[in-house]
Amino acid sequence: MDRPVLNSMLLGSTNPDRLKAWYRDGFHAETDGYGNLDLGGFGLIVEQRDDVDAKTIEPGRVIVNFSVEDIEKTAAHLRTLDVDWLVEPEDRGVGFFATLIDPDGNYVQLIQLKPEYYANQPLTART
């Protein structure tokens, strides 16, 4: 049996246009012909849902993680968009992490792992 590949996720929203614009502008996402966002080969689908609240009540249940090359540069860009930060960029040993909050209250994390982290991983974990 072939191993499935995770290639997208859906975020339900009561205001999908606002949420989609936030991710597009914040993370320089391309938009496909269906309005879905391409985030480095990973698809983010944002759809209108009637079974969700305007703000999530459990923001830590699902965290959208972005691997970045330069966390300070990415954070500087996001600050120009006046995002809400839960945790500003900080060194956590294996790398730098930051957590911000999207307009629907979901947590979004920036991660810049240090080269020594990758040096200690098997080759399969580096691809």
Protein backbone atom coordinates (compact mmCIF):
# COMPACT_ATOMS: atom_id res chain seq x y z
CA MET A 1 0.00 0.00 0.00
CA ASP A 2 1.26 3.48 -0.83
CA ARG A 3 1.85 5.78 2.09
CA PRO A 4 -0.57 8.75 2.06
CA VAL A 5 0.91 12.22 1.82
CA LEU A 6 -0.52 15.11 3.80
CA ASN A 7 -0.81 17.95 1.30
CA SER A 8 -3.49 20.31 2.58
CA MET A 9 -5.72 21.33 5.45
CA LEU A 10 -9.06 23.06 5.69
CA LEU A 11 -9.79 25.92 8.04
CA GLY A 12 -13.49 26.54 8.54
CA SER A 13 -14.43 30.15 9.13
CA THR A 14 -17.42 32.43 9.47
CA ASN A 15 -15.43 35.02 7.49
CA PRO A 16 -13.34 33.07 4.98
CA ASP A 17 -12.44 36.06 2.79
CA ARG A 18 -10.83 37.87 5.74
CA LEU A 19 -9.01 34.76 6.93
CA LYS A 20 -7.80 33.85 3.43
CA ALA A 21 -6.49 37.40 2.89
CA TRP A 22 -4.66 37.27 6.24
CA TYR A 23 -2.77 34.08 5.30
CA ARG A 24 -2.18 35.27 1.72
CA ASP A 25 -0.74 38.62 2.81
CA GLY A 26 1.11 37.36 5.86
CA PHE A 27 2.80 34.42 4.20
CA HIS A 28 3.03 35.48 0.54
CA ALA A 29 0.73 32.64 -0.50
CA GLU A 30 -0.18 32.03 -4.11
CA THR A 31 -3.87 31.48 -4.88
CA ASP A 32 -4.96 28.71 -7.24
CA GLY A 33 -7.92 28.81 -9.61
CA TYR A 34 -10.24 27.63 -6.84
CA GLY A 35 -9.16 30.29 -4.36
CA ASN A 36 -7.09 27.89 -2.26
CA LEU A 37 -3.74 29.02 -0.91
CA ASP A 38 -0.45 27.39 -1.86
CA LEU A 39 2.00 27.69 1.02
CA GLY A 40 5.18 26.16 -0.33
CA GLY A 41 3.48 23.13 -1.84
CA PHE A 42 1.07 22.69 1.06
CA GLY A 43 -2.53 23.71 0.40
CA LEU A 44 -4.56 25.79 2.81
CA ILE A 45 -8.26 25.71 2.06
CA VAL A 46 -10.41 28.29 3.85
CA GLU A 47 -14.15 27.76 3.58
CA GLN A 48 -17.35 29.21 4.95
CA ARG A 49 -18.68 26.97 7.72
CA ASP A 50 -21.89 27.29 9.69
CA ASP A 51 -20.76 24.80 12.35
CA VAL A 52 -17.93 26.94 13.79
CA ASP A 53 -17.86 30.03 15.98
CA ALA A 54 -16.36 33.30 14.77
CA LYS A 55 -13.47 32.71 17.22
CA THR A 56 -12.14 29.29 18.12
CA ILE A 57 -12.65 28.22 21.72
CA GLU A 58 -9.65 25.84 21.72
CA PRO A 59 -6.86 27.67 19.85
CA GLY A 60 -4.20 25.17 20.89
CA ARG A 61 -6.01 22.14 19.44
CA VAL A 62 -4.60 22.69 15.94
CA ILE A 63 -1.57 24.91 15.39
CA VAL A 64 -0.53 25.93 11.89
CA ASN A 65 3.28 25.69 11.75
CA PHE A 66 5.44 27.57 9.26
CA SER A 67 9.09 26.66 8.82
CA VAL A 68 10.98 29.87 8.07
CA GLU A 69 14.57 30.60 7.09
CA ASP A 70 14.78 33.91 8.99
CA ILE A 71 12.30 34.26 11.85
CA GLU A 72 13.17 37.91 12.51
CA LYS A 73 12.62 38.87 8.86
CA THR A 74 9.31 36.99 8.78
CA ALA A 75 8.23 38.55 12.09
CA ALA A 76 9.14 42.02 10.81
CA HIS A 77 6.91 41.51 7.77
CA LEU A 78 4.04 40.25 9.95
CA ARG A 79 4.41 43.26 12.26
CA THR A 80 3.69 45.53 9.27
CA LEU A 81 0.31 43.77 9.08
CA ASP A 82 -0.38 44.46 12.76
CA VAL A 83 -0.81 40.83 13.80
CA ASP A 84 -1.55 39.71 17.36
CA TRP A 85 1.39 37.94 19.00
CA LEU A 86 0.99 35.31 21.68
CA VAL A 87 4.77 34.80 21.89
CA GLU A 88 7.33 37.00 20.13
CA PRO A 89 10.30 35.20 18.52
CA GLU A 90 12.42 33.47 21.15
CA ASP A 91 15.30 30.99 21.28
CA ARG A 92 14.20 27.60 22.60
CA GLY A 93 17.48 25.75 22.25
CA VAL A 94 16.86 23.70 19.11
CA GLY A 95 15.60 26.76 17.29
CA PHE A 96 13.62 29.96 17.32
CA PHE A 97 9.86 29.91 17.79
CA ALA A 98 7.08 32.49 17.77
CA THR A 99 3.31 32.18 18.03
CA LEU A 100 0.76 34.58 16.60
CA ILE A 101 -3.01 34.49 16.40
CA ASP A 102 -4.96 34.56 13.14
CA PRO A 103 -8.22 36.56 12.85
CA ASP A 104 -10.30 33.50 13.84
CA GLY A 105 -8.21 32.94 16.98
CA ASN A 106 -6.17 29.98 15.67
CA TYR A 107 -2.55 29.73 16.78
CA VAL A 108 0.07 30.07 14.05
CA GLN A 109 3.66 29.21 14.84
CA LEU A 110 6.87 30.28 13.15
CA ILE A 111 9.76 27.84 13.50
CA GLN A 112 13.39 28.34 12.53
CA LEU A 113 15.35 25.29 13.59
CA LYS A 114 19.10 25.58 14.09
CA PRO A 115 21.56 23.73 11.81
CA GLU A 116 22.65 21.50 14.71
CA TYR A 117 19.08 20.22 14.99
CA TYR A 118 19.25 18.92 11.43
CA ALA A 119 22.77 17.54 11.95
CA ASN A 120 21.36 15.18 14.58
CA GLN A 121 18.48 13.90 12.42
CA PRO A 122 18.48 10.91 10.06
CA LEU A 123 18.62 11.87 6.39
CA THR A 124 14.96 10.92 5.90
CA ALA A 125 13.92 13.58 8.44
CA ARG A 126 15.74 16.31 6.50
CA THR A 127 13.71 16.07 3.31
